[in-house]
Amino acid sequence: MIKRYNNLSLAIAIPGIALQFVGQFMTGGEQHILGLLTVLAGTLMVLVGFAYYAKAKGRNPAWCLIGVFSCLGLLIMALLKDNSGVDEV
């Protein structure tokens, strides 16, 4: 696994997940539109994080689209074989 891409995936996807949660709480209140935009921004960040994770495993970044399946998508990505050719230390 390519460590640099793996670190980038975590640095982008974790705040994206947090934005999704915050946006969900905001949609229930008076700031419905702002909440939806926050959820959208969080979803985009999660997809970018998944793209970096796919690159870390030596896969095509299009594998990030499996992120629409949320936790199931993350599980599938984690179980993919590492094709990066880089040995873990």
PDB file of N, CA and C in Angstrom:
ATOM      1  N   MET A   1       0.848  -1.171   0.000  1.00  0.00           N
ATOM      2  CA  MET A   1       0.000   0.000   0.000  1.00  0.00           C
ATOM      3  C   MET A   1       0.893   1.234   0.000  1.00  0.00           C
ATOM      4  N   ILE A   2       0.497   2.214  -0.757  1.00  0.00           N
ATOM      5  CA  ILE A   2       1.249   3.463  -0.831  1.00  0.00           C
ATOM      6  C   ILE A   2       0.830   4.332   0.353  1.00  0.00           C
ATOM      7  N   LYS A   3       1.746   4.515   1.279  1.00  0.00           N
ATOM      8  CA  LYS A   3       1.429   5.154   2.558  1.00  0.00           C
ATOM      9  C   LYS A   3       0.949   6.598   2.397  1.00  0.00           C
ATOM     10  N   ARG A   4       1.556   7.336   1.479  1.00  0.00           N
ATOM     11  CA  ARG A   4       1.190   8.748   1.296  1.00  0.00           C
ATOM     12  C   ARG A   4      -0.284   8.878   0.908  1.00  0.00           C
ATOM     13  N   TYR A   5      -0.737   8.066  -0.036  1.00  0.00           N
ATOM     14  CA  TYR A   5      -2.132   8.109  -0.458  1.00  0.00           C
ATOM     15  C   TYR A   5      -3.063   7.623   0.650  1.00  0.00           C
ATOM     16  N   ASN A   6      -2.617   6.644   1.412  1.00  0.00           N
ATOM     17  CA  ASN A   6      -3.432   6.146   2.521  1.00  0.00           C
ATOM     18  C   ASN A   6      -3.633   7.247   3.566  1.00  0.00           C
ATOM     19  N   ASN A   7      -2.568   7.974   3.877  1.00  0.00           N
ATOM     20  CA  ASN A   7      -2.682   9.073   4.835  1.00  0.00           C
ATOM     21  C   ASN A   7      -3.591  10.184   4.315  1.00  0.00           C
ATOM     22  N   LEU A   8      -3.474  10.490   3.020  1.00  0.00           N
ATOM     23  CA  LEU A   8      -4.354  11.502   2.436  1.00  0.00           C
ATOM     24  C   LEU A   8      -5.812  11.063   2.482  1.00  0.00           C
ATOM     25  N   SER A   9      -6.047   9.781   2.246  1.00  0.00           N
ATOM     26  CA  SER A   9      -7.432   9.293   2.271  1.00  0.00           C
ATOM     27  C   SER A   9      -8.052   9.482   3.649  1.00  0.00           C
ATOM     28  N   LEU A  10      -7.289   9.189   4.682  1.00  0.00           N
ATOM     29  CA  LEU A  10      -7.801   9.384   6.046  1.00  0.00           C
ATOM     30  C   LEU A  10      -8.010  10.857   6.363  1.00  0.00           C
ATOM     31  N   ALA A  11      -7.059  11.697   5.937  1.00  0.00           N
ATOM     32  CA  ALA A  11      -7.128  13.131   6.241  1.00  0.00           C
ATOM     33  C   ALA A  11      -8.310  13.807   5.557  1.00  0.00           C
ATOM     34  N   ILE A  12      -8.790  13.242   4.458  1.00  0.00           N
ATOM     35  CA  ILE A  12      -9.907  13.847   3.734  1.00  0.00           C
ATOM     36  C   ILE A  12     -11.235  13.186   4.101  1.00  0.00           C
ATOM     37  N   ALA A  13     -11.252  11.864   4.212  1.00  0.00           N
ATOM     38  CA  ALA A  13     -12.518  11.145   4.416  1.00  0.00           C
ATOM     39  C   ALA A  13     -13.077  11.313   5.828  1.00  0.00           C
ATOM     40  N   ILE A  14     -12.236  11.330   6.839  1.00  0.00           N
ATOM     41  CA  ILE A  14     -12.739  11.435   8.217  1.00  0.00           C
ATOM     42  C   ILE A  14     -13.460  12.769   8.453  1.00  0.00           C
ATOM     43  N   PRO A  15     -12.883  13.913   8.056  1.00  0.00           N
ATOM     44  CA  PRO A  15     -13.661  15.154   8.187  1.00  0.00           C
ATOM     45  C   PRO A  15     -14.923  15.150   7.318  1.00  0.00           C
ATOM     46  N   GLY A  16     -14.874  14.448   6.181  1.00  0.00           N
ATOM     47  CA  GLY A  16     -16.054  14.347   5.329  1.00  0.00           C
ATOM     48  C   GLY A  16     -17.185  13.620   6.022  1.00  0.00           C
ATOM     49  N   ILE A  17     -16.855  12.549   6.736  1.00  0.00           N
ATOM     50  CA  ILE A  17     -17.872  11.813   7.494  1.00  0.00           C
ATOM     51  C   ILE A  17     -18.447  12.705   8.591  1.00  0.00           C
ATOM     52  N   ALA A  18     -17.574  13.465   9.243  1.00  0.00           N
ATOM     53  CA  ALA A  18     -18.042  14.381  10.293  1.00  0.00           C
ATOM     54  C   ALA A  18     -18.981  15.434   9.700  1.00  0.00           C
ATOM     55  N   LEU A  19     -18.654  15.958   8.516  1.00  0.00           N
ATOM     56  CA  LEU A  19     -19.533  16.939   7.868  1.00  0.00           C
ATOM     57  C   LEU A  19     -20.883  16.331   7.521  1.00  0.00           C
ATOM     58  N   GLN A  20     -20.891  15.074   7.132  1.00  0.00           N
ATOM     59  CA  GLN A  20     -22.164  14.417   6.835  1.00  0.00           C
ATOM     60  C   GLN A  20     -23.051  14.356   8.076  1.00  0.00           C
ATOM     61  N   PHE A  21     -22.466  14.004   9.219  1.00  0.00           N
ATOM     62  CA  PHE A  21     -23.244  13.950  10.461  1.00  0.00           C
ATOM     63  C   PHE A  21     -23.762  15.328  10.851  1.00  0.00           C
ATOM     64  N   VAL A  22     -22.902  16.340  10.779  1.00  0.00           N
ATOM     65  CA  VAL A  22     -23.308  17.706  11.136  1.00  0.00           C
ATOM     66  C   VAL A  22     -24.419  18.178  10.202  1.00  0.00           C
ATOM     67  N   GLY A  23     -24.266  17.899   8.919  1.00  0.00           N
ATOM     68  CA  GLY A  23     -25.281  18.299   7.951  1.00  0.00           C
ATOM     69  C   GLY A  23     -26.619  17.628   8.197  1.00  0.00           C
ATOM     70  N   GLN A  24     -26.596  16.371   8.613  1.00  0.00           N
ATOM     71  CA  GLN A  24     -27.840  15.666   8.922  1.00  0.00           C
ATOM     72  C   GLN A  24     -28.579  16.335  10.074  1.00  0.00           C
ATOM     73  N   PHE A  25     -27.853  16.766  11.098  1.00  0.00           N
ATOM     74  CA  PHE A  25     -28.488  17.459  12.217  1.00  0.00           C
ATOM     75  C   PHE A  25     -29.031  18.821  11.793  1.00  0.00           C
ATOM     76  N   MET A  26     -28.327  19.480  10.870  1.00  0.00           N
ATOM     77  CA  MET A  26     -28.757  20.807  10.431  1.00  0.00           C
ATOM     78  C   MET A  26     -30.016  20.730   9.574  1.00  0.00           C
ATOM     79  N   THR A  27     -30.217  19.651   8.844  1.00  0.00           N
ATOM     80  CA  THR A  27     -31.396  19.553   7.975  1.00  0.00           C
ATOM     81  C   THR A  27     -32.683  19.431   8.774  1.00  0.00           C
ATOM     82  N   GLY A  28     -32.597  18.975  10.006  1.00  0.00           N
ATOM     83  CA  GLY A  28     -33.789  18.849  10.835  1.00  0.00           C
ATOM     84  C   GLY A  28     -34.240  20.169  11.420  1.00  0.00           C
ATOM     85  N   GLY A  29     -33.386  21.165  11.397  1.00  0.00           N
ATOM     86  CA  GLY A  29     -33.720  22.462  11.980  1.00  0.00           C
ATOM     87  C   GLY A  29     -34.122  23.482  10.936  1.00  0.00           C
ATOM     88  N   GLU A  30     -33.836  24.737  11.249  1.00  0.00           N
ATOM     89  CA  GLU A  30     -34.223  25.841  10.385  1.00  0.00           C
ATOM     90  C   GLU A  30     -33.287  26.016   9.191  1.00  0.00           C
ATOM     91  N   GLN A  31     -32.100  25.461   9.271  1.00  0.00           N
ATOM     92  CA  GLN A  31     -31.100  25.656   8.225  1.00  0.00           C
ATOM     93  C   GLN A  31     -31.069  24.455   7.278  1.00  0.00           C
ATOM     94  N   HIS A  32     -32.199  24.167   6.683  1.00  0.00           N
ATOM     95  CA  HIS A  32     -32.358  22.974   5.849  1.00  0.00           C
ATOM     96  C   HIS A  32     -31.422  22.997   4.630  1.00  0.00           C
ATOM     97  N   ILE A  33     -31.376  24.102   3.922  1.00  0.00           N
ATOM     98  CA  ILE A  33     -30.550  24.204   2.706  1.00  0.00           C
ATOM     99  C   ILE A  33     -29.079  24.118   3.057  1.00  0.00           C
ATOM    100  N   LEU A  34     -28.666  24.833   4.099  1.00  0.00           N
ATOM    101  CA  LEU A  34     -27.268  24.787   4.518  1.00  0.00           C
ATOM    102  C   LEU A  34     -26.888  23.371   4.966  1.00  0.00           C
ATOM    103  N   GLY A  35     -27.807  22.680   5.610  1.00  0.00           N
ATOM    104  CA  GLY A  35     -27.568  21.301   6.025  1.00  0.00           C
ATOM    105  C   GLY A  35     -27.362  20.379   4.838  1.00  0.00           C
ATOM    106  N   LEU A  36     -28.188  20.549   3.803  1.00  0.00           N
ATOM    107  CA  LEU A  36     -28.044  19.729   2.598  1.00  0.00           C
ATOM    108  C   LEU A  36     -26.715  19.998   1.897  1.00  0.00           C
ATOM    109  N   LEU A  37     -26.314  21.261   1.858  1.00  0.00           N
ATOM    110  CA  LEU A  37     -25.026  21.595   1.250  1.00  0.00           C
ATOM    111  C   LEU A  37     -23.864  21.011   2.059  1.00  0.00           C
ATOM    112  N   THR A  38     -24.011  20.995   3.376  1.00  0.00           N
ATOM    113  CA  THR A  38     -22.973  20.418   4.234  1.00  0.00           C
ATOM    114  C   THR A  38     -22.876  18.908   4.013  1.00  0.00           C
ATOM    115  N   VAL A  39     -24.014  18.244   3.898  1.00  0.00           N
ATOM    116  CA  VAL A  39     -24.011  16.803   3.619  1.00  0.00           C
ATOM    117  C   VAL A  39     -23.364  16.539   2.264  1.00  0.00           C
ATOM    118  N   LEU A  40     -23.690  17.351   1.270  1.00  0.00           N
ATOM    119  CA  LEU A  40     -23.112  17.186  -0.063  1.00  0.00           C
ATOM    120  C   LEU A  40     -21.596  17.376  -0.036  1.00  0.00           C
ATOM    121  N   ALA A  41     -21.136  18.405   0.678  1.00  0.00           N
ATOM    122  CA  ALA A  41     -19.696  18.635   0.791  1.00  0.00           C
ATOM    123  C   ALA A  41     -19.016  17.456   1.486  1.00  0.00           C
ATOM    124  N   GLY A  42     -19.636  16.942   2.535  1.00  0.00           N
ATOM    125  CA  GLY A  42     -19.083  15.791   3.237  1.00  0.00           C
ATOM    126  C   GLY A  42     -19.031  14.560   2.356  1.00  0.00           C
ATOM    127  N   THR A  43     -20.063  14.349   1.553  1.00  0.00           N
ATOM    128  CA  THR A  43     -20.092  13.201   0.654  1.00  0.00           C
ATOM    129  C   THR A  43     -18.990  13.306  -0.393  1.00  0.00           C
ATOM    130  N   LEU A  44     -18.803  14.496  -0.930  1.00  0.00           N
ATOM    131  CA  LEU A  44     -17.726  14.685  -1.904  1.00  0.00           C
ATOM    132  C   LEU A  44     -16.358  14.430  -1.274  1.00  0.00           C
ATOM    133  N   MET A  45     -16.174  14.871  -0.037  1.00  0.00           N
ATOM    134  CA  MET A  45     -14.898  14.626   0.649  1.00  0.00           C
ATOM    135  C   MET A  45     -14.675  13.132   0.883  1.00  0.00           C
ATOM    136  N   VAL A  46     -15.734  12.413   1.233  1.00  0.00           N
ATOM    137  CA  VAL A  46     -15.615  10.965   1.433  1.00  0.00           C
ATOM    138  C   VAL A  46     -15.243  10.287   0.124  1.00  0.00           C
ATOM    139  N   LEU A  47     -15.860  10.695  -0.973  1.00  0.00           N
ATOM    140  CA  LEU A  47     -15.537  10.100  -2.265  1.00  0.00           C
ATOM    141  C   LEU A  47     -14.097  10.391  -2.683  1.00  0.00           C
ATOM    142  N   VAL A  48     -13.621  11.602  -2.423  1.00  0.00           N
ATOM    143  CA  VAL A  48     -12.219  11.925  -2.721  1.00  0.00           C
ATOM    144  C   VAL A  48     -11.289  11.090  -1.838  1.00  0.00           C
ATOM    145  N   GLY A  49     -11.650  10.931  -0.575  1.00  0.00           N
ATOM    146  CA  GLY A  49     -10.857  10.083   0.316  1.00  0.00           C
ATOM    147  C   GLY A  49     -10.820   8.640  -0.160  1.00  0.00           C
ATOM    148  N   PHE A  50     -11.962   8.126  -0.638  1.00  0.00           N
ATOM    149  CA  PHE A  50     -12.004   6.771  -1.183  1.00  0.00           C
ATOM    150  C   PHE A  50     -11.154   6.659  -2.444  1.00  0.00           C
ATOM    151  N   ALA A  51     -11.122   7.727  -3.259  1.00  0.00           N
ATOM    152  CA  ALA A  51     -10.295   7.707  -4.469  1.00  0.00           C
ATOM    153  C   ALA A  51      -8.815   7.585  -4.090  1.00  0.00           C
ATOM    154  N   TYR A  52      -8.395   8.327  -3.074  1.00  0.00           N
ATOM    155  CA  TYR A  52      -7.010   8.206  -2.619  1.00  0.00           C
ATOM    156  C   TYR A  52      -6.735   6.828  -2.021  1.00  0.00           C
ATOM    157  N   TYR A  53      -7.712   6.254  -1.351  1.00  0.00           N
ATOM    158  CA  TYR A  53      -7.532   4.913  -0.790  1.00  0.00           C
ATOM    159  C   TYR A  53      -7.386   3.885  -1.910  1.00  0.00           C
ATOM    160  N   ALA A  54      -8.170   4.060  -2.975  1.00  0.00           N
ATOM    161  CA  ALA A  54      -8.044   3.158  -4.126  1.00  0.00           C
ATOM    162  C   ALA A  54      -6.664   3.305  -4.761  1.00  0.00           C
ATOM    163  N   LYS A  55      -6.173   4.543  -4.879  1.00  0.00           N
ATOM    164  CA  LYS A  55      -4.836   4.758  -5.419  1.00  0.00           C
ATOM    165  C   LYS A  55      -3.776   4.158  -4.510  1.00  0.00           C
ATOM    166  N   ALA A  56      -3.996   4.208  -3.202  1.00  0.00           N
ATOM    167  CA  ALA A  56      -3.042   3.631  -2.255  1.00  0.00           C
ATOM    168  C   ALA A  56      -2.939   2.123  -2.436  1.00  0.00           C
ATOM    169  N   LYS A  57      -4.031   1.516  -2.871  1.00  0.00           N
ATOM    170  CA  LYS A  57      -4.033   0.070  -3.101  1.00  0.00           C
ATOM    171  C   LYS A  57      -3.670  -0.288  -4.538  1.00  0.00           C
ATOM    172  N   GLY A  58      -3.263   0.699  -5.332  1.00  0.00           N
ATOM    173  CA  GLY A  58      -2.869   0.447  -6.707  1.00  0.00           C
ATOM    174  C   GLY A  58      -4.043   0.241  -7.640  1.00  0.00           C
ATOM    175  N   ARG A  59      -5.194   0.751  -7.274  1.00  0.00           N
ATOM    176  CA  ARG A  59      -6.415   0.594  -8.069  1.00  0.00           C
ATOM    177  C   ARG A  59      -6.762   1.911  -8.762  1.00  0.00           C
ATOM    178  N   ASN A  60      -7.679   1.828  -9.704  1.00  0.00           N
ATOM    179  CA  ASN A  60      -8.180   2.998 -10.399  1.00  0.00           C
ATOM    180  C   ASN A  60      -9.003   3.844  -9.414  1.00  0.00           C
ATOM    181  N   PRO A  61      -8.811   5.178  -9.424  1.00  0.00           N
ATOM    182  CA  PRO A  61      -9.590   6.030  -8.509  1.00  0.00           C
ATOM    183  C   PRO A  61     -11.099   5.935  -8.705  1.00  0.00           C
ATOM    184  N   ALA A  62     -11.559   5.394  -9.821  1.00  0.00           N
ATOM    185  CA  ALA A  62     -13.000   5.243 -10.038  1.00  0.00           C
ATOM    186  C   ALA A  62     -13.623   4.287  -9.014  1.00  0.00           C
ATOM    187  N   TRP A  63     -12.793   3.504  -8.351  1.00  0.00           N
ATOM    188  CA  TRP A  63     -13.301   2.635  -7.281  1.00  0.00           C
ATOM    189  C   TRP A  63     -13.925   3.446  -6.159  1.00  0.00           C
ATOM    190  N   CYS A  64     -13.688   4.754  -6.124  1.00  0.00           N
ATOM    191  CA  CYS A  64     -14.276   5.596  -5.081  1.00  0.00           C
ATOM    192  C   CYS A  64     -15.796   5.581  -5.153  1.00  0.00           C
ATOM    193  N   LEU A  65     -16.347   5.270  -6.319  1.00  0.00           N
ATOM    194  CA  LEU A  65     -17.803   5.273  -6.475  1.00  0.00           C
ATOM    195  C   LEU A  65     -18.477   4.214  -5.623  1.00  0.00           C
ATOM    196  N   ILE A  66     -17.715   3.237  -5.169  1.00  0.00           N
ATOM    197  CA  ILE A  66     -18.288   2.225  -4.279  1.00  0.00           C
ATOM    198  C   ILE A  66     -18.596   2.851  -2.909  1.00  0.00           C
ATOM    199  N   GLY A  67     -18.075   4.052  -2.683  1.00  0.00           N
ATOM    200  CA  GLY A  67     -18.336   4.762  -1.443  1.00  0.00           C
ATOM    201  C   GLY A  67     -19.785   5.156  -1.254  1.00  0.00           C
ATOM    202  N   VAL A  68     -20.578   5.126  -2.307  1.00  0.00           N
ATOM    203  CA  VAL A  68     -22.001   5.454  -2.150  1.00  0.00           C
ATOM    204  C   VAL A  68     -22.717   4.391  -1.330  1.00  0.00           C
ATOM    205  N   PHE A  69     -22.088   3.243  -1.132  1.00  0.00           N
ATOM    206  CA  PHE A  69     -22.667   2.189  -0.298  1.00  0.00           C
ATOM    207  C   PHE A  69     -22.238   2.325   1.160  1.00  0.00           C
ATOM    208  N   SER A  70     -21.658   3.478   1.511  1.00  0.00           N
ATOM    209  CA  SER A  70     -21.297   3.818   2.882  1.00  0.00           C
ATOM    210  C   SER A  70     -20.398   2.765   3.518  1.00  0.00           C
ATOM    211  N   CYS A  71     -20.817   2.215   4.650  1.00  0.00           N
ATOM    212  CA  CYS A  71     -19.974   1.270   5.392  1.00  0.00           C
ATOM    213  C   CYS A  71     -19.715  -0.006   4.600  1.00  0.00           C
ATOM    214  N   LEU A  72     -20.692  -0.449   3.838  1.00  0.00           N
ATOM    215  CA  LEU A  72     -20.494  -1.629   2.998  1.00  0.00           C
ATOM    216  C   LEU A  72     -19.428  -1.349   1.940  1.00  0.00           C
ATOM    217  N   GLY A  73     -19.451  -0.167   1.360  1.00  0.00           N
ATOM    218  CA  GLY A  73     -18.439   0.225   0.384  1.00  0.00           C
ATOM    219  C   GLY A  73     -17.059   0.273   0.996  1.00  0.00           C
ATOM    220  N   LEU A  74     -16.972   0.780   2.220  1.00  0.00           N
ATOM    221  CA  LEU A  74     -15.687   0.825   2.915  1.00  0.00           C
ATOM    222  C   LEU A  74     -15.170  -0.582   3.178  1.00  0.00           C
ATOM    223  N   LEU A  75     -16.048  -1.480   3.564  1.00  0.00           N
ATOM    224  CA  LEU A  75     -15.656  -2.861   3.801  1.00  0.00           C
ATOM    225  C   LEU A  75     -15.143  -3.516   2.515  1.00  0.00           C
ATOM    226  N   ILE A  76     -15.839  -3.285   1.416  1.00  0.00           N
ATOM    227  CA  ILE A  76     -15.401  -3.836   0.134  1.00  0.00           C
ATOM    228  C   ILE A  76     -14.034  -3.285  -0.247  1.00  0.00           C
ATOM    229  N   MET A  77     -13.847  -1.979  -0.074  1.00  0.00           N
ATOM    230  CA  MET A  77     -12.554  -1.369  -0.397  1.00  0.00           C
ATOM    231  C   MET A  77     -11.440  -1.946   0.470  1.00  0.00           C
ATOM    232  N   ALA A  78     -11.725  -2.160   1.741  1.00  0.00           N
ATOM    233  CA  ALA A  78     -10.708  -2.686   2.646  1.00  0.00           C
ATOM    234  C   ALA A  78     -10.315  -4.114   2.280  1.00  0.00           C
ATOM    235  N   LEU A  79     -11.249  -4.874   1.718  1.00  0.00           N
ATOM    236  CA  LEU A  79     -10.976  -6.258   1.381  1.00  0.00           C
ATOM    237  C   LEU A  79     -10.348  -6.440   0.001  1.00  0.00           C
ATOM    238  N   LEU A  80     -10.263  -5.353  -0.786  1.00  0.00           N
ATOM    239  CA  LEU A  80      -9.630  -5.455  -2.095  1.00  0.00           C
ATOM    240  C   LEU A  80      -8.152  -5.799  -1.952  1.00  0.00           C
ATOM    241  N   LYS A  81      -7.674  -6.599  -2.871  1.00  0.00           N
ATOM    242  CA  LYS A  81      -6.263  -6.961  -2.872  1.00  0.00           C
ATOM    243  C   LYS A  81      -5.413  -5.738  -3.186  1.00  0.00           C
ATOM    244  N   ASP A  82      -4.273  -5.642  -2.534  1.00  0.00           N
ATOM    245  CA  ASP A  82      -3.347  -4.545  -2.747  1.00  0.00           C
ATOM    246  C   ASP A  82      -2.539  -4.819  -4.020  1.00  0.00           C
ATOM    247  N   ASN A  83      -2.727  -3.967  -5.024  1.00  0.00           N
ATOM    248  CA  ASN A  83      -2.013  -4.109  -6.291  1.00  0.00           C
ATOM    249  C   ASN A  83      -0.927  -3.055  -6.465  1.00  0.00           C
ATOM    250  N   SER A  84      -0.560  -2.375  -5.399  1.00  0.00           N
ATOM    251  CA  SER A  84       0.386  -1.272  -5.523  1.00  0.00           C
ATOM    252  C   SER A  84       1.802  -1.738  -5.769  1.00  0.00           C
ATOM    253  N   GLY A  85       2.136  -2.941  -5.380  1.00  0.00           N
ATOM    254  CA  GLY A  85       3.492  -3.431  -5.544  1.00  0.00           C
ATOM    255  C   GLY A  85       4.456  -2.903  -4.499  1.00  0.00           C
ATOM    256  N   VAL A  86       3.931  -2.198  -3.501  1.00  0.00           N
ATOM    257  CA  VAL A  86       4.761  -1.655  -2.429  1.00  0.00           C
ATOM    258  C   VAL A  86       4.573  -2.535  -1.210  1.00  0.00           C
ATOM    259  N   ASP A  87       5.677  -3.003  -0.644  1.00  0.00           N
ATOM    260  CA  ASP A  87       5.606  -3.836   0.554  1.00  0.00           C
ATOM    261  C   ASP A  87       5.359  -2.956   1.770  1.00  0.00           C
ATOM    262  N   GLU A  88       4.509  -3.448   2.679  1.00  0.00           N
ATOM    263  CA  GLU A  88       4.254  -2.709   3.915  1.00  0.00           C
ATOM    264  C   GLU A  88       5.416  -2.891   4.861  1.00  0.00           C
ATOM    265  N   VAL A  89       5.661  -1.845   5.624  1.00  0.00           N
ATOM    266  CA  VAL A  89       6.766  -1.885   6.581  1.00  0.00           C
ATOM    267  C   VAL A  89       6.225  -2.045   7.976  1.00  0.00           C
TER     268      VAL A  89
END
